[in-house]
N, C-alpha and C. Protein backbone atom coordinates (compact mmCIF):
# COMPACT_ATOMS: atom_id res chain seq x y z
N MET A 1 -13.31 -18.31 -7.66
CA MET A 1 -11.81 -17.98 -8.50
C MET A 1 -12.26 -16.53 -9.58
N ARG A 2 -13.16 -16.24 -10.16
CA ARG A 2 -13.79 -14.81 -10.65
C ARG A 2 -13.00 -13.68 -9.55
N ALA A 3 -13.28 -14.07 -7.74
CA ALA A 3 -12.81 -12.73 -7.10
C ALA A 3 -11.50 -12.72 -6.91
N SER A 4 -10.69 -14.08 -7.30
CA SER A 4 -9.46 -13.48 -7.25
C SER A 4 -8.62 -12.85 -8.08
N TYR A 5 -9.22 -12.89 -9.83
CA TYR A 5 -9.15 -11.98 -10.35
C TYR A 5 -9.90 -10.60 -10.19
N GLY A 6 -11.05 -10.95 -9.90
CA GLY A 6 -11.20 -9.34 -9.89
C GLY A 6 -10.45 -8.45 -8.53
N ALA A 7 -9.67 -8.88 -7.35
CA ALA A 7 -9.21 -8.43 -6.75
C ALA A 7 -7.65 -8.03 -7.21
N LEU A 8 -7.19 -8.79 -8.33
CA LEU A 8 -5.51 -8.79 -8.98
C LEU A 8 -6.05 -7.50 -9.80
N LEU A 9 -7.32 -7.36 -10.04
CA LEU A 9 -7.99 -5.99 -11.27
C LEU A 9 -7.61 -4.80 -9.89
N LEU A 10 -8.71 -5.14 -8.87
CA LEU A 10 -8.77 -4.00 -8.00
C LEU A 10 -7.66 -3.62 -7.37
N MET A 11 -6.41 -4.22 -7.77
CA MET A 11 -5.33 -4.43 -6.90
C MET A 11 -4.78 -3.10 -7.62
N ALA A 12 -4.51 -3.31 -8.98
CA ALA A 12 -3.82 -2.80 -10.21
C ALA A 12 -4.38 -1.08 -9.98
N ILE A 13 -5.50 -1.04 -9.98
CA ILE A 13 -6.07 0.22 -10.43
C ILE A 13 -5.74 1.11 -8.60
N VAL A 14 -5.95 0.72 -7.62
CA VAL A 14 -6.03 1.08 -6.46
C VAL A 14 -4.47 1.35 -6.18
N SER A 15 -3.88 0.61 -6.57
CA SER A 15 -2.12 0.97 -6.30
C SER A 15 -2.22 1.88 -7.55
N GLY A 16 -2.23 1.75 -8.87
CA GLY A 16 -1.40 2.55 -9.52
C GLY A 16 -2.09 4.25 -9.49
N PRO A 17 -3.12 4.28 -9.82
CA PRO A 17 -3.29 5.70 -9.90
C PRO A 17 -3.14 6.50 -7.81
N VAL A 18 -3.26 5.90 -6.83
CA VAL A 18 -3.63 5.94 -5.91
C VAL A 18 -1.91 6.77 -5.13
N SER A 19 -0.97 5.92 -5.48
CA SER A 19 0.32 6.32 -5.84
C SER A 19 1.33 6.77 -6.50
N ARG A 20 0.67 6.92 -7.74
CA ARG A 20 1.40 7.13 -8.66
C ARG A 20 2.17 9.39 -8.37
N SER A 21 1.68 10.27 -7.84
CA SER A 21 2.51 11.23 -7.17
C SER A 21 3.17 11.00 -6.27
N PRO A 22 2.69 10.30 -4.99
CA PRO A 22 3.75 10.14 -4.40
C PRO A 22 5.27 9.13 -4.77
N MET A 23 4.99 8.32 -5.86
CA MET A 23 6.28 7.80 -6.17
C MET A 23 7.31 8.43 -7.16
N ARG A 24 6.14 9.96 -7.68
CA ARG A 24 7.35 10.71 -8.85
C ARG A 24 7.64 11.49 -7.87
N ALA A 25 7.24 11.97 -6.51
CA ALA A 25 8.11 13.07 -5.64
C ALA A 25 8.86 12.11 -5.52
N LEU A 26 8.99 10.91 -4.71
CA LEU A 26 10.07 10.04 -4.05
C LEU A 26 11.09 10.08 -5.42
N LYS A 27 10.79 9.46 -6.74
CA LYS A 27 11.77 9.80 -7.71
C LYS A 27 12.38 11.01 -8.11
N ARG A 28 11.84 12.17 -7.94
CA ARG A 28 12.13 13.19 -8.44
C ARG A 28 13.42 13.92 -7.31
N VAL A 29 13.02 13.20 -6.01
CA VAL A 29 13.67 13.61 -4.60
C VAL A 29 15.11 12.68 -5.21
N ALA A 30 14.98 11.18 -4.84
CA ALA A 30 16.44 10.65 -6.02
C ALA A 30 16.43 10.86 -6.46
N ASP A 31 16.59 11.71 -7.64
CA ASP A 31 17.35 12.26 -8.84
C ASP A 31 18.31 13.13 -8.39
N VAL A 32 17.99 13.97 -7.25
CA VAL A 32 18.06 15.05 -7.78
C VAL A 32 19.77 14.63 -7.03
N PRO A 33 21.53 14.99 -7.06
CA PRO A 33 22.76 14.49 -6.87
C PRO A 33 22.88 14.97 -5.77
N ALA A 34 22.37 15.91 -5.07
CA ALA A 34 23.06 16.62 -3.64
C ALA A 34 22.51 15.52 -2.24
N ASP A 35 23.25 15.54 -1.55
CA ASP A 35 23.24 14.61 -0.39
C ASP A 35 21.42 14.99 0.14
N GLY A 36 20.32 14.55 -0.44
CA GLY A 36 19.30 15.01 0.27
C GLY A 36 18.60 13.61 0.90
N THR A 37 19.31 13.28 1.69
CA THR A 37 19.13 12.25 2.92
C THR A 37 18.01 12.67 3.52
N VAL A 38 17.53 13.93 3.99
CA VAL A 38 16.36 13.96 4.61
C VAL A 38 15.35 14.11 3.81
N ALA A 39 15.45 15.04 2.82
CA ALA A 39 14.23 14.68 1.72
C ALA A 39 13.98 13.83 1.49
N LEU A 40 15.00 12.84 1.25
CA LEU A 40 14.14 11.51 0.74
C LEU A 40 13.60 10.66 1.59
N ARG A 41 14.10 10.75 2.92
CA ARG A 41 13.19 10.23 3.87
C ARG A 41 11.79 10.91 4.24
N ALA A 42 11.56 12.12 3.88
CA ALA A 42 10.81 12.74 4.08
C ALA A 42 9.78 11.70 2.91
N ALA A 43 10.04 12.25 1.78
CA ALA A 43 9.15 11.76 0.03
C ALA A 43 8.66 10.05 1.14
N ALA A 44 9.77 9.58 1.56
CA ALA A 44 9.72 8.22 1.62
C ALA A 44 8.48 7.53 2.48
N ALA A 45 8.50 8.52 3.91
CA ALA A 45 7.27 8.59 4.74
C ALA A 45 6.08 8.70 4.45
N ASN A 46 5.94 9.10 3.32
CA ASN A 46 4.70 9.36 2.96
C ASN A 46 3.72 8.10 2.95
N PRO A 47 2.26 8.45 4.31
CA PRO A 47 1.50 7.32 4.44
C PRO A 47 0.75 6.88 3.26
N ILE A 48 0.35 7.66 2.32
CA ILE A 48 -0.16 6.48 1.12
C ILE A 48 0.67 5.76 0.51
N LEU A 49 1.88 6.27 -0.02
CA LEU A 49 2.89 5.04 0.10
C LEU A 49 2.83 3.62 1.14
N ARG A 50 2.95 4.24 2.33
CA ARG A 50 2.77 2.78 2.94
C ARG A 50 1.82 2.52 3.28
N LEU A 51 0.03 3.24 2.60
CA LEU A 51 -0.76 2.42 2.94
C LEU A 51 -0.82 1.86 1.33
N SER A 52 -0.70 2.03 0.39
CA SER A 52 -0.75 1.62 -0.93
C SER A 52 0.25 -0.06 -0.97
N LEU A 53 1.35 0.16 0.02
CA LEU A 53 1.83 -1.21 -0.18
C LEU A 53 1.37 -2.45 0.75
N ARG A 54 0.94 -1.37 2.13
CA ARG A 54 -0.10 -2.74 2.46
C ARG A 54 -1.23 -3.57 2.28
N ILE A 55 -1.74 -2.34 1.20
CA ILE A 55 -2.72 -3.06 0.39
C ILE A 55 -2.73 -4.07 -0.50
N ARG A 56 -1.54 -3.65 -0.99
CA ARG A 56 -0.72 -4.67 -2.16
C ARG A 56 -0.64 -6.09 -1.53
N VAL A 57 0.31 -5.85 -0.64
CA VAL A 57 0.64 -7.59 0.09
C VAL A 57 -0.61 -7.58 0.88
N ALA A 58 -1.45 -6.97 1.71
CA ALA A 58 -2.62 -7.54 1.65
C ALA A 58 -3.77 -8.90 0.87
N PHE A 59 -3.74 -7.89 -0.45
CA PHE A 59 -4.61 -8.47 -1.43
C PHE A 59 -3.78 -9.39 -2.05
N GLY A 60 -2.77 -9.26 -2.10
CA GLY A 60 -2.26 -10.25 -2.89
C GLY A 60 -1.90 -11.59 -1.90
N LEU A 61 -1.98 -11.64 -0.52
CA LEU A 61 -1.83 -13.12 0.38
C LEU A 61 -3.09 -13.69 0.26
N ALA A 62 -4.41 -12.46 0.12
CA ALA A 62 -5.60 -13.00 0.04
C ALA A 62 -5.97 -13.80 -1.02
N ILE A 63 -5.41 -13.61 -1.95
CA ILE A 63 -5.57 -14.11 -3.88
C ILE A 63 -4.63 -15.26 -3.50
N VAL A 64 -3.72 -15.44 -2.49
CA VAL A 64 -3.17 -16.98 -2.75
C VAL A 64 -4.29 -17.58 -2.20
N PHE A 65 -4.65 -17.83 -1.25
CA PHE A 65 -5.48 -18.45 0.01
C PHE A 65 -7.15 -18.58 -1.22
N LEU A 66 -7.38 -17.19 -1.83
CA LEU A 66 -8.73 -18.03 -2.59
C LEU A 66 -8.36 -18.35 -3.43
N MET A 67 -7.29 -18.37 -4.06
CA MET A 67 -6.64 -19.70 -5.16
C MET A 67 -6.60 -20.88 -4.66
N ILE A 68 -6.02 -20.72 -3.32
CA ILE A 68 -5.59 -22.64 -2.62
C ILE A 68 -6.93 -23.18 -2.07
N ALA A 69 -7.84 -22.53 -1.75
CA ALA A 69 -9.37 -23.05 -0.82
C ALA A 69 -10.41 -22.82 -2.15
N LYS A 70 -10.39 -22.09 -2.72
CA LYS A 70 -11.42 -22.09 -3.85
C LYS A 70 -13.27 -21.96 -3.32
N PRO A 71 -12.92 -21.09 -2.13
CA PRO A 71 -14.38 -20.77 -1.47
C PRO A 71 -15.49 -20.83 -2.57
N ALA A 72 -17.22 -20.46 -2.32
CA ALA A 72 -17.65 -20.13 -2.82
C ALA A 72 -17.55 -18.42 -3.44
N ALA A 73 -18.08 -17.74 -3.63
CA ALA A 73 -18.58 -16.18 -3.93
C ALA A 73 -18.70 -15.73 -3.12
N GLY A 74 -19.37 -15.96 -2.19
CA GLY A 74 -19.98 -14.71 -0.96
C GLY A 74 -19.00 -15.37 -0.07
N GLU A 75 -18.17 -15.97 0.00
CA GLU A 75 -16.77 -16.44 0.91
C GLU A 75 -16.17 -15.14 0.47
N SER A 76 -15.77 -15.59 -1.17
CA SER A 76 -15.06 -15.13 -1.48
C SER A 76 -14.61 -13.69 -1.24
N LEU A 77 -15.66 -12.66 -1.15
CA LEU A 77 -16.47 -11.71 -1.16
C LEU A 77 -15.72 -11.09 0.04
N LEU A 78 -16.13 -12.18 0.90
CA LEU A 78 -16.58 -11.72 2.51
C LEU A 78 -14.45 -11.81 3.32
N VAL A 79 -13.96 -12.38 2.71
CA VAL A 79 -12.56 -12.57 2.77
C VAL A 79 -12.07 -11.12 2.35
N LEU A 80 -12.17 -10.76 1.10
CA LEU A 80 -11.67 -9.54 0.25
C LEU A 80 -12.03 -8.06 1.43
N ALA A 81 -13.24 -8.45 1.59
CA ALA A 81 -13.69 -7.05 2.66
C ALA A 81 -13.14 -7.29 3.62
N LEU A 82 -13.03 -8.31 4.60
CA LEU A 82 -12.11 -8.41 5.54
C LEU A 82 -10.59 -8.42 5.65
N VAL A 83 -9.59 -8.66 4.56
CA VAL A 83 -8.79 -8.62 4.40
C VAL A 83 -8.47 -6.71 4.23
N SER A 84 -9.93 -6.03 3.17
CA SER A 84 -9.20 -4.46 3.53
C SER A 84 -9.78 -3.56 4.26
N MET A 85 -10.44 -4.09 4.96
CA MET A 85 -10.73 -3.34 6.33
C MET A 85 -9.62 -3.85 7.33
N VAL A 86 -9.11 -4.99 7.24
CA VAL A 86 -8.20 -5.12 8.72
C VAL A 86 -7.02 -4.37 7.82
N THR A 87 -6.60 -4.16 6.91
CA THR A 87 -5.62 -3.07 6.39
C THR A 87 -5.43 -1.89 6.90
N ILE A 88 -6.71 -1.17 6.21
CA ILE A 88 -7.05 0.40 6.26
C ILE A 88 -7.15 0.71 7.91
N ALA A 89 -7.50 -0.29 8.45
CA ALA A 89 -7.47 -0.15 10.44
C ALA A 89 -6.39 -0.15 10.78
N THR A 90 -5.70 -1.22 10.54
CA THR A 90 -4.02 -0.97 11.29
C THR A 90 -3.02 -0.03 10.36
N SER A 91 -3.68 0.57 9.37
CA SER A 91 -2.38 1.72 8.95
C SER A 91 -3.24 2.67 9.45
N LEU A 92 -4.18 2.95 9.80
CA LEU A 92 -4.83 4.31 10.56
C LEU A 92 -4.29 4.23 12.22
N THR A 93 -4.49 2.94 12.68
CA THR A 93 -4.22 3.00 14.36
C THR A 93 -2.78 3.03 14.67
N ARG A 94 -1.85 2.42 13.70
CA ARG A 94 -0.37 2.64 13.93
C ARG A 94 0.43 3.10 13.07
N ARG A 95 0.16 4.11 13.27
CA ARG A 95 1.14 5.42 12.77
C ARG A 95 2.02 5.13 13.47
N PRO A 96 3.25 5.01 12.33
CA PRO A 96 4.81 4.89 12.96
C PRO A 96 5.44 6.43 12.83
N THR A 97 6.23 6.00 14.09
CA THR A 97 6.92 7.92 14.66
C THR A 97 7.85 7.94 13.66
N ARG A 98 7.64 9.40 13.32
CA ARG A 98 9.05 9.90 12.45
C ARG A 98 10.26 10.04 13.08
N SER A 99 11.37 10.16 12.57
CA SER A 99 12.24 10.43 12.43
C SER A 99 12.98 11.52 12.89
N THR A 100 13.45 11.51 13.84
CA THR A 100 14.06 13.32 14.25
C THR A 100 14.66 14.04 13.01
N ALA A 101 15.21 13.50 12.08
CA ALA A 101 15.67 14.10 10.43
C ALA A 101 14.43 14.26 9.86
N VAL A 102 13.24 13.66 10.17
CA VAL A 102 12.49 13.83 8.78
C VAL A 102 11.54 14.89 9.74
N GLN A 103 11.09 14.95 10.98
CA GLN A 103 10.65 16.09 11.63
C GLN A 103 11.28 17.10 11.41
N GLY A 104 12.63 17.19 11.14
CA GLY A 104 13.18 18.69 11.13
C GLY A 104 13.22 19.00 10.00
N TYR A 105 12.85 18.06 9.50
CA TYR A 105 12.79 18.24 7.40
C TYR A 105 11.41 19.35 7.44
N ARG A 106 10.16 18.77 7.94
CA ARG A 106 8.93 19.51 7.66
C ARG A 106 8.93 20.41 8.73
């Protein structure tokens, strides 16, 4: 159970500071009244934002599993380590192709 609470704390720590500057950039672009669709897509296509979202979803599902299954401490840490490695590995290997509008902006 402690691993679940630790994972919640880790999820909050990782998602806050890591995605803060890309989220601020996205908000600045979204607040511009002009038609900034291309700029908005470019800001939203930041890989840090996608990685942060994937990590939060994966850790959330792992926390639900840990709270339901209630494994021992070693198994809990193993589950969390596997979730983080799989999430990072899939984020690095499956990079989505950017749309032509975003490619033209950069």
